[in-house]
Amino acid sequence: DEHEFIWEDYLQATGTTAVPPTAFKHVSLQQGMTLEIQDLAQPNLLWLVKIIENVGGRLYLRYVGVESGTMDFWLFYLDVRLHPIGWCKERNYTYKPPKCK
């Protein structure tokens, strides 16, 4: 005997409320968006990455200008190296393309 789980009934029965969608910042990160990413070895150097896929906040990223996909990588959306466009300029940091493999 399977019972269908209904969130609204559960929340009402337990006297709780659902977390608002704004609590999930990764949801606004969409395929095709561009972000800045800091270099691991030299944090004052950044480059651009494009979101290829967002799977529950795990971002599959591709360096802009490296279209072959050979340097694509996964990174969690809360990684301290990821920043919105303009973050580099605000800090007078420099863009430097990654070394291609």
PDB file of N, CA and C in Angstrom:
ATOM      1  N   ASP A   1       0.845  -1.184   0.000  1.00  0.00           N
ATOM      2  CA  ASP A   1       0.000   0.000   0.000  1.00  0.00           C
ATOM      3  C   ASP A   1       0.887   1.243   0.000  1.00  0.00           C
ATOM      4  N   GLU A   2       1.002   1.885  -1.151  1.00  0.00           N
ATOM      5  CA  GLU A   2       1.813   3.100  -1.248  1.00  0.00           C
ATOM      6  C   GLU A   2       0.980   4.315  -0.885  1.00  0.00           C
ATOM      7  N   HIS A   3       1.612   5.209  -0.112  1.00  0.00           N
ATOM      8  CA  HIS A   3       0.957   6.466   0.238  1.00  0.00           C
ATOM      9  C   HIS A   3       1.672   7.596  -0.481  1.00  0.00           C
ATOM     10  N   GLU A   4       0.904   8.481  -1.042  1.00  0.00           N
ATOM     11  CA  GLU A   4       1.489   9.638  -1.714  1.00  0.00           C
ATOM     12  C   GLU A   4       1.868  10.677  -0.664  1.00  0.00           C
ATOM     13  N   PHE A   5       3.112  11.151  -0.729  1.00  0.00           N
ATOM     14  CA  PHE A   5       3.582  12.169   0.200  1.00  0.00           C
ATOM     15  C   PHE A   5       3.233  13.536  -0.369  1.00  0.00           C
ATOM     16  N   ILE A   6       2.535  14.334   0.422  1.00  0.00           N
ATOM     17  CA  ILE A   6       2.136  15.671  -0.015  1.00  0.00           C
ATOM     18  C   ILE A   6       2.767  16.690   0.928  1.00  0.00           C
ATOM     19  N   TRP A   7       3.689  17.470   0.380  1.00  0.00           N
ATOM     20  CA  TRP A   7       4.437  18.436   1.189  1.00  0.00           C
ATOM     21  C   TRP A   7       3.525  19.401   1.936  1.00  0.00           C
ATOM     22  N   GLU A   8       2.524  19.932   1.278  1.00  0.00           N
ATOM     23  CA  GLU A   8       1.643  20.912   1.913  1.00  0.00           C
ATOM     24  C   GLU A   8       0.978  20.320   3.159  1.00  0.00           C
ATOM     25  N   ASP A   9       0.537  19.065   3.072  1.00  0.00           N
ATOM     26  CA  ASP A   9      -0.078  18.398   4.226  1.00  0.00           C
ATOM     27  C   ASP A   9       0.934  18.210   5.349  1.00  0.00           C
ATOM     28  N   TYR A  10       2.148  17.812   4.989  1.00  0.00           N
ATOM     29  CA  TYR A  10       3.210  17.612   5.982  1.00  0.00           C
ATOM     30  C   TYR A  10       3.533  18.920   6.705  1.00  0.00           C
ATOM     31  N   LEU A  11       3.688  19.994   5.946  1.00  0.00           N
ATOM     32  CA  LEU A  11       4.018  21.285   6.553  1.00  0.00           C
ATOM     33  C   LEU A  11       2.918  21.743   7.499  1.00  0.00           C
ATOM     34  N   GLN A  12       1.682  21.555   7.090  1.00  0.00           N
ATOM     35  CA  GLN A  12       0.557  21.951   7.935  1.00  0.00           C
ATOM     36  C   GLN A  12       0.501  21.082   9.194  1.00  0.00           C
ATOM     37  N   ALA A  13       0.692  19.786   9.051  1.00  0.00           N
ATOM     38  CA  ALA A  13       0.627  18.865  10.189  1.00  0.00           C
ATOM     39  C   ALA A  13       1.745  19.108  11.197  1.00  0.00           C
ATOM     40  N   THR A  14       2.905  19.539  10.712  1.00  0.00           N
ATOM     41  CA  THR A  14       4.047  19.760  11.609  1.00  0.00           C
ATOM     42  C   THR A  14       4.173  21.212  12.050  1.00  0.00           C
ATOM     43  N   GLY A  15       3.312  22.082  11.528  1.00  0.00           N
ATOM     44  CA  GLY A  15       3.372  23.494  11.909  1.00  0.00           C
ATOM     45  C   GLY A  15       4.628  24.191  11.414  1.00  0.00           C
ATOM     46  N   THR A  16       5.136  23.746  10.282  1.00  0.00           N
ATOM     47  CA  THR A  16       6.355  24.333   9.723  1.00  0.00           C
ATOM     48  C   THR A  16       6.043  25.018   8.397  1.00  0.00           C
ATOM     49  N   THR A  17       7.033  25.752   7.904  1.00  0.00           N
ATOM     50  CA  THR A  17       6.880  26.411   6.611  1.00  0.00           C
ATOM     51  C   THR A  17       8.021  25.998   5.696  1.00  0.00           C
ATOM     52  N   ALA A  18       7.782  26.111   4.421  1.00  0.00           N
ATOM     53  CA  ALA A  18       8.801  25.766   3.433  1.00  0.00           C
ATOM     54  C   ALA A  18       9.845  26.877   3.351  1.00  0.00           C
ATOM     55  N   VAL A  19      11.042  26.493   3.008  1.00  0.00           N
ATOM     56  CA  VAL A  19      12.113  27.461   2.795  1.00  0.00           C
ATOM     57  C   VAL A  19      11.806  28.212   1.503  1.00  0.00           C
ATOM     58  N   PRO A  20      11.959  29.550   1.497  1.00  0.00           N
ATOM     59  CA  PRO A  20      11.667  30.291   0.265  1.00  0.00           C
ATOM     60  C   PRO A  20      12.684  29.982  -0.828  1.00  0.00           C
ATOM     61  N   PRO A  21      12.272  30.062  -2.077  1.00  0.00           N
ATOM     62  CA  PRO A  21      13.190  29.772  -3.191  1.00  0.00           C
ATOM     63  C   PRO A  21      14.447  30.633  -3.181  1.00  0.00           C
ATOM     64  N   THR A  22      14.380  31.829  -2.590  1.00  0.00           N
ATOM     65  CA  THR A  22      15.559  32.703  -2.546  1.00  0.00           C
ATOM     66  C   THR A  22      16.682  32.114  -1.708  1.00  0.00           C
ATOM     67  N   ALA A  23      16.384  31.097  -0.915  1.00  0.00           N
ATOM     68  CA  ALA A  23      17.424  30.448  -0.108  1.00  0.00           C
ATOM     69  C   ALA A  23      18.339  29.585  -0.975  1.00  0.00           C
ATOM     70  N   PHE A  24      17.907  29.311  -2.178  1.00  0.00           N
ATOM     71  CA  PHE A  24      18.674  28.454  -3.074  1.00  0.00           C
ATOM     72  C   PHE A  24      19.308  29.293  -4.179  1.00  0.00           C
ATOM     73  N   LYS A  25      20.431  29.943  -3.861  1.00  0.00           N
ATOM     74  CA  LYS A  25      21.078  30.854  -4.807  1.00  0.00           C
ATOM     75  C   LYS A  25      21.532  30.149  -6.074  1.00  0.00           C
ATOM     76  N   HIS A  26      21.843  28.852  -5.975  1.00  0.00           N
ATOM     77  CA  HIS A  26      22.321  28.136  -7.157  1.00  0.00           C
ATOM     78  C   HIS A  26      21.260  28.027  -8.246  1.00  0.00           C
ATOM     79  N   VAL A  27      20.005  28.186  -7.887  1.00  0.00           N
ATOM     80  CA  VAL A  27      18.929  28.058  -8.862  1.00  0.00           C
ATOM     81  C   VAL A  27      19.028  29.159  -9.919  1.00  0.00           C
ATOM     82  N   SER A  28      19.510  30.340  -9.528  1.00  0.00           N
ATOM     83  CA  SER A  28      19.590  31.451 -10.479  1.00  0.00           C
ATOM     84  C   SER A  28      20.781  31.322 -11.426  1.00  0.00           C
ATOM     85  N   LEU A  29      21.688  30.396 -11.160  1.00  0.00           N
ATOM     86  CA  LEU A  29      22.829  30.175 -12.045  1.00  0.00           C
ATOM     87  C   LEU A  29      22.385  29.241 -13.162  1.00  0.00           C
ATOM     88  N   GLN A  30      22.284  29.791 -14.360  1.00  0.00           N
ATOM     89  CA  GLN A  30      21.698  29.065 -15.478  1.00  0.00           C
ATOM     90  C   GLN A  30      22.719  28.747 -16.566  1.00  0.00           C
ATOM     91  N   GLN A  31      22.408  27.740 -17.337  1.00  0.00           N
ATOM     92  CA  GLN A  31      23.226  27.364 -18.488  1.00  0.00           C
ATOM     93  C   GLN A  31      23.415  28.575 -19.395  1.00  0.00           C
ATOM     94  N   GLY A  32      24.666  28.787 -19.824  1.00  0.00           N
ATOM     95  CA  GLY A  32      24.983  29.892 -20.717  1.00  0.00           C
ATOM     96  C   GLY A  32      25.468  31.146 -20.017  1.00  0.00           C
ATOM     97  N   MET A  33      25.263  31.246 -18.703  1.00  0.00           N
ATOM     98  CA  MET A  33      25.740  32.420 -17.970  1.00  0.00           C
ATOM     99  C   MET A  33      27.260  32.400 -17.881  1.00  0.00           C
ATOM    100  N   THR A  34      27.850  33.591 -17.793  1.00  0.00           N
ATOM    101  CA  THR A  34      29.294  33.724 -17.682  1.00  0.00           C
ATOM    102  C   THR A  34      29.649  34.266 -16.303  1.00  0.00           C
ATOM    103  N   LEU A  35      30.691  33.696 -15.714  1.00  0.00           N
ATOM    104  CA  LEU A  35      31.201  34.109 -14.406  1.00  0.00           C
ATOM    105  C   LEU A  35      32.697  34.343 -14.509  1.00  0.00           C
ATOM    106  N   GLU A  36      33.261  34.945 -13.475  1.00  0.00           N
ATOM    107  CA  GLU A  36      34.710  35.082 -13.376  1.00  0.00           C
ATOM    108  C   GLU A  36      35.213  34.030 -12.397  1.00  0.00           C
ATOM    109  N   ILE A  37      36.405  33.503 -12.664  1.00  0.00           N
ATOM    110  CA  ILE A  37      37.002  32.534 -11.751  1.00  0.00           C
ATOM    111  C   ILE A  37      38.456  32.917 -11.495  1.00  0.00           C
ATOM    112  N   GLN A  38      38.826  32.870 -10.217  1.00  0.00           N
ATOM    113  CA  GLN A  38      40.195  33.192  -9.825  1.00  0.00           C
ATOM    114  C   GLN A  38      41.123  32.023 -10.092  1.00  0.00           C
ATOM    115  N   ASP A  39      42.357  32.348 -10.443  1.00  0.00           N
ATOM    116  CA  ASP A  39      43.407  31.350 -10.613  1.00  0.00           C
ATOM    117  C   ASP A  39      43.781  30.808  -9.234  1.00  0.00           C
ATOM    118  N   LEU A  40      43.955  29.502  -9.119  1.00  0.00           N
ATOM    119  CA  LEU A  40      44.324  28.893  -7.834  1.00  0.00           C
ATOM    120  C   LEU A  40      45.668  29.392  -7.321  1.00  0.00           C
ATOM    121  N   ALA A  41      46.649  29.472  -8.198  1.00  0.00           N
ATOM    122  CA  ALA A  41      48.001  29.839  -7.791  1.00  0.00           C
ATOM    123  C   ALA A  41      48.175  31.347  -7.630  1.00  0.00           C
ATOM    124  N   GLN A  42      47.440  32.121  -8.424  1.00  0.00           N
ATOM    125  CA  GLN A  42      47.564  33.579  -8.385  1.00  0.00           C
ATOM    126  C   GLN A  42      46.166  34.196  -8.315  1.00  0.00           C
ATOM    127  N   PRO A  43      45.632  34.384  -7.099  1.00  0.00           N
ATOM    128  CA  PRO A  43      44.254  34.851  -6.932  1.00  0.00           C
ATOM    129  C   PRO A  43      43.954  36.231  -7.521  1.00  0.00           C
ATOM    130  N   ASN A  44      44.995  37.012  -7.859  1.00  0.00           N
ATOM    131  CA  ASN A  44      44.740  38.318  -8.465  1.00  0.00           C
ATOM    132  C   ASN A  44      44.549  38.213  -9.984  1.00  0.00           C
ATOM    133  N   LEU A  45      44.639  36.993 -10.511  1.00  0.00           N
ATOM    134  CA  LEU A  45      44.396  36.742 -11.930  1.00  0.00           C
ATOM    135  C   LEU A  45      43.087  35.971 -12.084  1.00  0.00           C
ATOM    136  N   LEU A  46      42.266  36.405 -13.010  1.00  0.00           N
ATOM    137  CA  LEU A  46      40.979  35.762 -13.240  1.00  0.00           C
ATOM    138  C   LEU A  46      40.756  35.543 -14.724  1.00  0.00           C
ATOM    139  N   TRP A  47      39.813  34.655 -15.021  1.00  0.00           N
ATOM    140  CA  TRP A  47      39.378  34.439 -16.396  1.00  0.00           C
ATOM    141  C   TRP A  47      37.886  34.174 -16.368  1.00  0.00           C
ATOM    142  N   LEU A  48      37.298  34.106 -17.534  1.00  0.00           N
ATOM    143  CA  LEU A  48      35.865  33.899 -17.654  1.00  0.00           C
ATOM    144  C   LEU A  48      35.540  32.428 -17.877  1.00  0.00           C
ATOM    145  N   VAL A  49      34.452  31.984 -17.247  1.00  0.00           N
ATOM    146  CA  VAL A  49      33.940  30.636 -17.471  1.00  0.00           C
ATOM    147  C   VAL A  49      32.460  30.734 -17.803  1.00  0.00           C
ATOM    148  N   LYS A  50      32.016  29.819 -18.641  1.00  0.00           N
ATOM    149  CA  LYS A  50      30.607  29.753 -19.020  1.00  0.00           C
ATOM    150  C   LYS A  50      29.999  28.512 -18.378  1.00  0.00           C
ATOM    151  N   ILE A  51      28.786  28.660 -17.848  1.00  0.00           N
ATOM    152  CA  ILE A  51      28.087  27.524 -17.249  1.00  0.00           C
ATOM    153  C   ILE A  51      27.524  26.653 -18.366  1.00  0.00           C
ATOM    154  N   ILE A  52      27.998  25.421 -18.423  1.00  0.00           N
ATOM    155  CA  ILE A  52      27.503  24.452 -19.397  1.00  0.00           C
ATOM    156  C   ILE A  52      26.288  23.725 -18.818  1.00  0.00           C
ATOM    157  N   GLU A  53      26.352  23.470 -17.505  1.00  0.00           N
ATOM    158  CA  GLU A  53      25.274  22.734 -16.845  1.00  0.00           C
ATOM    159  C   GLU A  53      25.283  23.071 -15.360  1.00  0.00           C
ATOM    160  N   ASN A  54      24.105  23.092 -14.735  1.00  0.00           N
ATOM    161  CA  ASN A  54      23.958  23.281 -13.295  1.00  0.00           C
ATOM    162  C   ASN A  54      23.146  22.107 -12.769  1.00  0.00           C
ATOM    163  N   VAL A  55      23.787  21.265 -11.985  1.00  0.00           N
ATOM    164  CA  VAL A  55      23.120  20.091 -11.422  1.00  0.00           C
ATOM    165  C   VAL A  55      23.096  20.258  -9.906  1.00  0.00           C
ATOM    166  N   GLY A  56      22.010  20.820  -9.399  1.00  0.00           N
ATOM    167  CA  GLY A  56      21.859  21.004  -7.966  1.00  0.00           C
ATOM    168  C   GLY A  56      22.960  21.842  -7.330  1.00  0.00           C
ATOM    169  N   GLY A  57      23.449  22.820  -8.050  1.00  0.00           N
ATOM    170  CA  GLY A  57      24.501  23.679  -7.519  1.00  0.00           C
ATOM    171  C   GLY A  57      25.903  23.255  -7.910  1.00  0.00           C
ATOM    172  N   ARG A  58      26.010  22.076  -8.510  1.00  0.00           N
ATOM    173  CA  ARG A  58      27.307  21.652  -9.067  1.00  0.00           C
ATOM    174  C   ARG A  58      27.354  22.179 -10.492  1.00  0.00           C
ATOM    175  N   LEU A  59      28.314  23.054 -10.737  1.00  0.00           N
ATOM    176  CA  LEU A  59      28.398  23.712 -12.038  1.00  0.00           C
ATOM    177  C   LEU A  59      29.433  23.043 -12.919  1.00  0.00           C
ATOM    178  N   TYR A  60      29.027  22.733 -14.142  1.00  0.00           N
ATOM    179  CA  TYR A  60      29.966  22.232 -15.142  1.00  0.00           C
ATOM    180  C   TYR A  60      30.381  23.447 -15.953  1.00  0.00           C
ATOM    181  N   LEU A  61      31.669  23.794 -15.881  1.00  0.00           N
ATOM    182  CA  LEU A  61      32.163  25.055 -16.416  1.00  0.00           C
ATOM    183  C   LEU A  61      33.136  24.854 -17.565  1.00  0.00           C
ATOM    184  N   ARG A  62      33.154  25.840 -18.458  1.00  0.00           N
ATOM    185  CA  ARG A  62      34.079  25.835 -19.593  1.00  0.00           C
ATOM    186  C   ARG A  62      34.715  27.220 -19.682  1.00  0.00           C
ATOM    187  N   TYR A  63      36.039  27.232 -19.795  1.00  0.00           N
ATOM    188  CA  TYR A  63      36.741  28.497 -19.976  1.00  0.00           C
ATOM    189  C   TYR A  63      36.312  29.138 -21.289  1.00  0.00           C
ATOM    190  N   VAL A  64      36.018  30.417 -21.258  1.00  0.00           N
ATOM    191  CA  VAL A  64      35.672  31.153 -22.467  1.00  0.00           C
ATOM    192  C   VAL A  64      36.904  31.195 -23.365  1.00  0.00           C
ATOM    193  N   GLY A  65      36.724  30.839 -24.618  1.00  0.00           N
ATOM    194  CA  GLY A  65      37.825  30.804 -25.571  1.00  0.00           C
ATOM    195  C   GLY A  65      38.415  29.424 -25.763  1.00  0.00           C
ATOM    196  N   VAL A  66      38.038  28.479 -24.909  1.00  0.00           N
ATOM    197  CA  VAL A  66      38.512  27.093 -25.037  1.00  0.00           C
ATOM    198  C   VAL A  66      37.282  26.253 -25.381  1.00  0.00           C
ATOM    199  N   GLU A  67      36.917  26.266 -26.634  1.00  0.00           N
ATOM    200  CA  GLU A  67      35.669  25.637 -27.065  1.00  0.00           C
ATOM    201  C   GLU A  67      35.746  24.125 -27.222  1.00  0.00           C
ATOM    202  N   SER A  68      36.937  23.562 -27.172  1.00  0.00           N
ATOM    203  CA  SER A  68      37.073  22.118 -27.382  1.00  0.00           C
ATOM    204  C   SER A  68      36.506  21.307 -26.226  1.00  0.00           C
ATOM    205  N   GLY A  69      36.382  21.917 -25.053  1.00  0.00           N
ATOM    206  CA  GLY A  69      35.877  21.187 -23.895  1.00  0.00           C
ATOM    207  C   GLY A  69      36.927  20.370 -23.176  1.00  0.00           C
ATOM    208  N   THR A  70      38.172  20.447 -23.626  1.00  0.00           N
ATOM    209  CA  THR A  70      39.236  19.645 -23.009  1.00  0.00           C
ATOM    210  C   THR A  70      39.585  20.105 -21.603  1.00  0.00           C
ATOM    211  N   MET A  71      39.192  21.324 -21.251  1.00  0.00           N
ATOM    212  CA  MET A  71      39.515  21.844 -19.922  1.00  0.00           C
ATOM    213  C   MET A  71      38.265  22.068 -19.075  1.00  0.00           C
ATOM    214  N   ASP A  72      37.133  21.520 -19.493  1.00  0.00           N
ATOM    215  CA  ASP A  72      35.896  21.652 -18.724  1.00  0.00           C
ATOM    216  C   ASP A  72      36.080  21.033 -17.346  1.00  0.00           C
ATOM    217  N   PHE A  73      35.352  21.563 -16.360  1.00  0.00           N
ATOM    218  CA  PHE A  73      35.481  21.039 -15.001  1.00  0.00           C
ATOM    219  C   PHE A  73      34.212  21.317 -14.197  1.00  0.00           C
ATOM    220  N   TRP A  74      34.054  20.542 -13.131  1.00  0.00           N
ATOM    221  CA  TRP A  74      32.941  20.702 -12.196  1.00  0.00           C
ATOM    222  C   TRP A  74      33.405  21.520 -11.002  1.00  0.00           C
ATOM    223  N   LEU A  75      32.521  22.386 -10.507  1.00  0.00           N
ATOM    224  CA  LEU A  75      32.835  23.192  -9.332  1.00  0.00           C
ATOM    225  C   LEU A  75      31.531  23.524  -8.628  1.00  0.00           C
ATOM    226  N   PHE A  76      31.528  23.454  -7.306  1.00  0.00           N
ATOM    227  CA  PHE A  76      30.332  23.786  -6.539  1.00  0.00           C
ATOM    228  C   PHE A  76      30.104  25.292  -6.591  1.00  0.00           C
ATOM    229  N   TYR A  77      28.863  25.706  -6.662  1.00  0.00           N
ATOM    230  CA  TYR A  77      28.539  27.120  -6.859  1.00  0.00           C
ATOM    231  C   TYR A  77      29.010  28.029  -5.730  1.00  0.00           C
ATOM    232  N   LEU A  78      29.280  27.497  -4.551  1.00  0.00           N
ATOM    233  CA  LEU A  78      29.748  28.313  -3.425  1.00  0.00           C
ATOM    234  C   LEU A  78      31.264  28.433  -3.365  1.00  0.00           C
ATOM    235  N   ASP A  79      31.975  27.872  -4.330  1.00  0.00           N
ATOM    236  CA  ASP A  79      33.435  27.954  -4.325  1.00  0.00           C
ATOM    237  C   ASP A  79      33.862  29.419  -4.274  1.00  0.00           C
ATOM    238  N   VAL A  80      34.818  29.724  -3.392  1.00  0.00           N
ATOM    239  CA  VAL A  80      35.244  31.114  -3.178  1.00  0.00           C
ATOM    240  C   VAL A  80      35.905  31.735  -4.402  1.00  0.00           C
ATOM    241  N   ARG A  81      36.288  30.923  -5.376  1.00  0.00           N
ATOM    242  CA  ARG A  81      36.943  31.460  -6.578  1.00  0.00           C
ATOM    243  C   ARG A  81      35.963  31.979  -7.617  1.00  0.00           C
ATOM    244  N   LEU A  82      34.690  31.632  -7.495  1.00  0.00           N
ATOM    245  CA  LEU A  82      33.680  32.068  -8.469  1.00  0.00           C
ATOM    246  C   LEU A  82      33.118  33.433  -8.100  1.00  0.00           C
ATOM    247  N   HIS A  83      33.008  34.300  -9.113  1.00  0.00           N
ATOM    248  CA  HIS A  83      32.522  35.656  -8.875  1.00  0.00           C
ATOM    249  C   HIS A  83      31.673  36.124 -10.052  1.00  0.00           C
ATOM    250  N   PRO A  84      30.784  37.093  -9.795  1.00  0.00           N
ATOM    251  CA  PRO A  84      30.008  37.657 -10.903  1.00  0.00           C
ATOM    252  C   PRO A  84      30.896  38.523 -11.794  1.00  0.00           C
ATOM    253  N   ILE A  85      30.447  38.736 -13.015  1.00  0.00           N
ATOM    254  CA  ILE A  85      31.166  39.609 -13.944  1.00  0.00           C
ATOM    255  C   ILE A  85      31.281  40.997 -13.306  1.00  0.00           C
ATOM    256  N   GLY A  86      32.482  41.555 -13.367  1.00  0.00           N
ATOM    257  CA  GLY A  86      32.725  42.876 -12.794  1.00  0.00           C
ATOM    258  C   GLY A  86      33.508  42.839 -11.498  1.00  0.00           C
ATOM    259  N   TRP A  87      33.535  41.684 -10.844  1.00  0.00           N
ATOM    260  CA  TRP A  87      34.253  41.530  -9.573  1.00  0.00           C
ATOM    261  C   TRP A  87      35.732  41.824  -9.766  1.00  0.00           C
ATOM    262  N   CYS A  88      36.312  41.338 -10.844  1.00  0.00           N
ATOM    263  CA  CYS A  88      37.730  41.539 -11.161  1.00  0.00           C
ATOM    264  C   CYS A  88      38.041  43.031 -11.316  1.00  0.00           C
ATOM    265  N   LYS A  89      37.230  43.720 -12.075  1.00  0.00           N
ATOM    266  CA  LYS A  89      37.446  45.147 -12.338  1.00  0.00           C
ATOM    267  C   LYS A  89      37.338  45.969 -11.057  1.00  0.00           C
ATOM    268  N   GLU A  90      36.373  45.639 -10.190  1.00  0.00           N
ATOM    269  CA  GLU A  90      36.187  46.368  -8.937  1.00  0.00           C
ATOM    270  C   GLU A  90      37.431  46.317  -8.052  1.00  0.00           C
ATOM    271  N   ARG A  91      38.215  45.270  -8.191  1.00  0.00           N
ATOM    272  CA  ARG A  91      39.398  45.081  -7.352  1.00  0.00           C
ATOM    273  C   ARG A  91      40.707  45.386  -8.085  1.00  0.00           C
ATOM    274  N   ASN A  92      40.582  45.867  -9.302  1.00  0.00           N
ATOM    275  CA  ASN A  92      41.758  46.155 -10.137  1.00  0.00           C
ATOM    276  C   ASN A  92      42.629  44.920 -10.345  1.00  0.00           C
ATOM    277  N   TYR A  93      41.973  43.753 -10.448  1.00  0.00           N
ATOM    278  CA  TYR A  93      42.685  42.530 -10.768  1.00  0.00           C
ATOM    279  C   TYR A  93      42.793  42.423 -12.289  1.00  0.00           C
ATOM    280  N   THR A  94      43.448  41.380 -12.756  1.00  0.00           N
ATOM    281  CA  THR A  94      43.740  41.234 -14.178  1.00  0.00           C
ATOM    282  C   THR A  94      43.130  39.952 -14.734  1.00  0.00           C
ATOM    283  N   TYR A  95      42.650  40.042 -15.979  1.00  0.00           N
ATOM    284  CA  TYR A  95      42.224  38.846 -16.692  1.00  0.00           C
ATOM    285  C   TYR A  95      43.441  38.201 -17.331  1.00  0.00           C
ATOM    286  N   LYS A  96      43.545  36.891 -17.198  1.00  0.00           N
ATOM    287  CA  LYS A  96      44.618  36.146 -17.856  1.00  0.00           C
ATOM    288  C   LYS A  96      44.047  34.806 -18.290  1.00  0.00           C
ATOM    289  N   PRO A  97      44.113  34.501 -19.584  1.00  0.00           N
ATOM    290  CA  PRO A  97      43.543  33.238 -20.054  1.00  0.00           C
ATOM    291  C   PRO A  97      44.303  32.043 -19.489  1.00  0.00           C
ATOM    292  N   PRO A  98      43.603  30.925 -19.315  1.00  0.00           N
ATOM    293  CA  PRO A  98      44.266  29.720 -18.803  1.00  0.00           C
ATOM    294  C   PRO A  98      45.211  29.135 -19.844  1.00  0.00           C
ATOM    295  N   LYS A  99      46.196  28.410 -19.364  1.00  0.00           N
ATOM    296  CA  LYS A  99      47.094  27.701 -20.282  1.00  0.00           C
ATOM    297  C   LYS A  99      46.373  26.458 -20.765  1.00  0.00           C
ATOM    298  N   CYS A 100      46.202  26.355 -22.062  1.00  0.00           N
ATOM    299  CA  CYS A 100      45.504  25.202 -22.637  1.00  0.00           C
ATOM    300  C   CYS A 100      46.377  23.964 -22.565  1.00  0.00           C
ATOM    301  N   LYS A 101      45.705  22.834 -22.333  1.00  0.00           N
ATOM    302  CA  LYS A 101      46.414  21.552 -22.264  1.00  0.00           C
ATOM    303  C   LYS A 101      46.708  21.052 -23.644  1.00  0.00           C
TER     304      LYS A 101
END
